[in-house]
Amino acid sequence: PQAPTHYNFDWEKAGFETRRDYVESIYEGLNQAGDAITEAQKEEGLVEARLAFAMNIDVYSEEPLWAESVVGIANVVSGFVQR
């Protein structure tokens, strides 16, 4: 399986020397945007962010963790047997 594309960062292509510099620039932009909105808008954003995180948790917990554990163990065992 391949990581979802939103987890792949090409910070060098974006003009940054390190991943840390890239992430810091994102935080800086978020802070600037936060300074430009009202307290009510910030609160609305927090409500929506909490909802988005809750939905993300639901998506990633659709399969029981034990099922993934069984698959992982089977992969390890089959790899060991093949050697």
C-alpha atoms as a PDB file:
ATOM      1  CA  PRO A   1       0.000   0.000   0.000  1.00  0.00           C
ATOM      2  CA  GLN A   2       1.048   3.540  -0.670  1.00  0.00           C
ATOM      3  CA  ALA A   3       0.662   6.463   1.741  1.00  0.00           C
ATOM      4  CA  PRO A   4      -2.150   8.863   0.880  1.00  0.00           C
ATOM      5  CA  THR A   5      -0.788  11.723  -1.194  1.00  0.00           C
ATOM      6  CA  HIS A   6      -1.651  14.303   1.449  1.00  0.00           C
ATOM      7  CA  TYR A   7       1.080  12.737   3.612  1.00  0.00           C
ATOM      8  CA  ASN A   8       3.784  13.281   0.980  1.00  0.00           C
ATOM      9  CA  PHE A   9       5.517  16.656   1.181  1.00  0.00           C
ATOM     10  CA  ASP A  10       7.912  17.920  -1.506  1.00  0.00           C
ATOM     11  CA  TRP A  11       9.355  20.815   0.482  1.00  0.00           C
ATOM     12  CA  GLU A  12      12.435  21.135  -1.743  1.00  0.00           C
ATOM     13  CA  LYS A  13      10.244  21.654  -4.794  1.00  0.00           C
ATOM     14  CA  ALA A  14       8.366  24.307  -2.808  1.00  0.00           C
ATOM     15  CA  GLY A  15      11.678  26.105  -2.184  1.00  0.00           C
ATOM     16  CA  PHE A  16      12.460  25.000   1.371  1.00  0.00           C
ATOM     17  CA  GLU A  17      15.684  23.399   2.572  1.00  0.00           C
ATOM     18  CA  THR A  18      14.082  21.150   5.190  1.00  0.00           C
ATOM     19  CA  ARG A  19      10.700  19.693   6.067  1.00  0.00           C
ATOM     20  CA  ARG A  20      10.804  21.720   9.284  1.00  0.00           C
ATOM     21  CA  ASP A  21      11.146  24.984   7.317  1.00  0.00           C
ATOM     22  CA  TYR A  22       8.207  23.951   5.150  1.00  0.00           C
ATOM     23  CA  VAL A  23       6.000  23.106   8.147  1.00  0.00           C
ATOM     24  CA  GLU A  24       6.996  26.315   9.949  1.00  0.00           C
ATOM     25  CA  SER A  25       5.949  28.342   6.891  1.00  0.00           C
ATOM     26  CA  ILE A  26       2.542  26.655   6.973  1.00  0.00           C
ATOM     27  CA  TYR A  27       2.158  27.490  10.669  1.00  0.00           C
ATOM     28  CA  GLU A  28       3.206  31.066  10.003  1.00  0.00           C
ATOM     29  CA  GLY A  29       0.561  31.378   7.294  1.00  0.00           C
ATOM     30  CA  LEU A  30      -2.088  29.890   9.578  1.00  0.00           C
ATOM     31  CA  ASN A  31      -1.156  32.314  12.351  1.00  0.00           C
ATOM     32  CA  GLN A  32      -1.365  35.270   9.957  1.00  0.00           C
ATOM     33  CA  ALA A  33      -4.771  34.112   8.759  1.00  0.00           C
ATOM     34  CA  GLY A  34      -5.899  33.692  12.370  1.00  0.00           C
ATOM     35  CA  ASP A  35      -4.855  37.241  13.172  1.00  0.00           C
ATOM     36  CA  ALA A  36      -7.056  38.510  10.341  1.00  0.00           C
ATOM     37  CA  ILE A  37     -10.348  37.015  11.574  1.00  0.00           C
ATOM     38  CA  THR A  38     -12.713  37.824  14.420  1.00  0.00           C
ATOM     39  CA  GLU A  39     -13.067  35.839  17.655  1.00  0.00           C
ATOM     40  CA  ALA A  40     -16.463  34.568  16.442  1.00  0.00           C
ATOM     41  CA  GLN A  41     -14.887  33.321  13.213  1.00  0.00           C
ATOM     42  CA  LYS A  42     -12.134  31.607  15.201  1.00  0.00           C
ATOM     43  CA  GLU A  43     -14.749  29.851  17.318  1.00  0.00           C
ATOM     44  CA  GLU A  44     -16.626  28.724  14.188  1.00  0.00           C
ATOM     45  CA  GLY A  45     -13.346  27.389  12.806  1.00  0.00           C
ATOM     46  CA  LEU A  46     -12.687  25.444  16.003  1.00  0.00           C
ATOM     47  CA  VAL A  47     -16.152  23.886  15.875  1.00  0.00           C
ATOM     48  CA  GLU A  48     -15.593  22.801  12.264  1.00  0.00           C
ATOM     49  CA  ALA A  49     -12.063  21.530  12.988  1.00  0.00           C
ATOM     50  CA  ARG A  50     -13.330  19.402  15.882  1.00  0.00           C
ATOM     51  CA  LEU A  51     -16.030  17.975  13.622  1.00  0.00           C
ATOM     52  CA  ALA A  52     -13.473  17.213  10.893  1.00  0.00           C
ATOM     53  CA  PHE A  53     -11.163  15.458  13.380  1.00  0.00           C
ATOM     54  CA  ALA A  54     -14.071  13.416  14.750  1.00  0.00           C
ATOM     55  CA  MET A  55     -15.022  12.355  11.222  1.00  0.00           C
ATOM     56  CA  ASN A  56     -11.390  11.469  10.483  1.00  0.00           C
ATOM     57  CA  ILE A  57     -11.307   9.258  13.578  1.00  0.00           C
ATOM     58  CA  ASP A  58     -14.482   7.545  12.396  1.00  0.00           C
ATOM     59  CA  VAL A  59     -13.024   6.886   8.946  1.00  0.00           C
ATOM     60  CA  TYR A  60      -9.783   5.421  10.292  1.00  0.00           C
ATOM     61  CA  SER A  61     -11.595   3.257  12.828  1.00  0.00           C
ATOM     62  CA  GLU A  62     -14.083   1.679  10.449  1.00  0.00           C
ATOM     63  CA  GLU A  63     -12.133  -1.584  10.565  1.00  0.00           C
ATOM     64  CA  PRO A  64     -11.457  -3.065  13.956  1.00  0.00           C
ATOM     65  CA  LEU A  65      -7.800  -2.821  14.936  1.00  0.00           C
ATOM     66  CA  TRP A  66      -7.680  -6.530  15.692  1.00  0.00           C
ATOM     67  CA  ALA A  67      -8.423  -7.257  12.019  1.00  0.00           C
ATOM     68  CA  GLU A  68      -5.384  -5.232  10.959  1.00  0.00           C
ATOM     69  CA  SER A  69      -3.318  -6.981  13.624  1.00  0.00           C
ATOM     70  CA  VAL A  70      -4.291 -10.387  12.258  1.00  0.00           C
ATOM     71  CA  VAL A  71      -3.329  -9.318   8.730  1.00  0.00           C
ATOM     72  CA  GLY A  72       0.011  -7.983  10.004  1.00  0.00           C
ATOM     73  CA  ILE A  73       0.793 -11.192  11.872  1.00  0.00           C
ATOM     74  CA  ALA A  74      -0.152 -13.248   8.804  1.00  0.00           C
ATOM     75  CA  ASN A  75       2.222 -11.164   6.683  1.00  0.00           C
ATOM     76  CA  VAL A  76       5.073 -11.689   9.138  1.00  0.00           C
ATOM     77  CA  VAL A  77       4.441 -15.442   9.355  1.00  0.00           C
ATOM     78  CA  SER A  78       4.134 -15.868   5.587  1.00  0.00           C
ATOM     79  CA  GLY A  79       7.345 -13.896   5.069  1.00  0.00           C
ATOM     80  CA  PHE A  80       9.134 -16.061   7.600  1.00  0.00           C
ATOM     81  CA  VAL A  81       7.833 -19.279   6.002  1.00  0.00           C
ATOM     82  CA  GLN A  82       8.924 -18.135   2.524  1.00  0.00           C
ATOM     83  CA  ARG A  83      12.511 -17.678   3.721  1.00  0.00           C
END
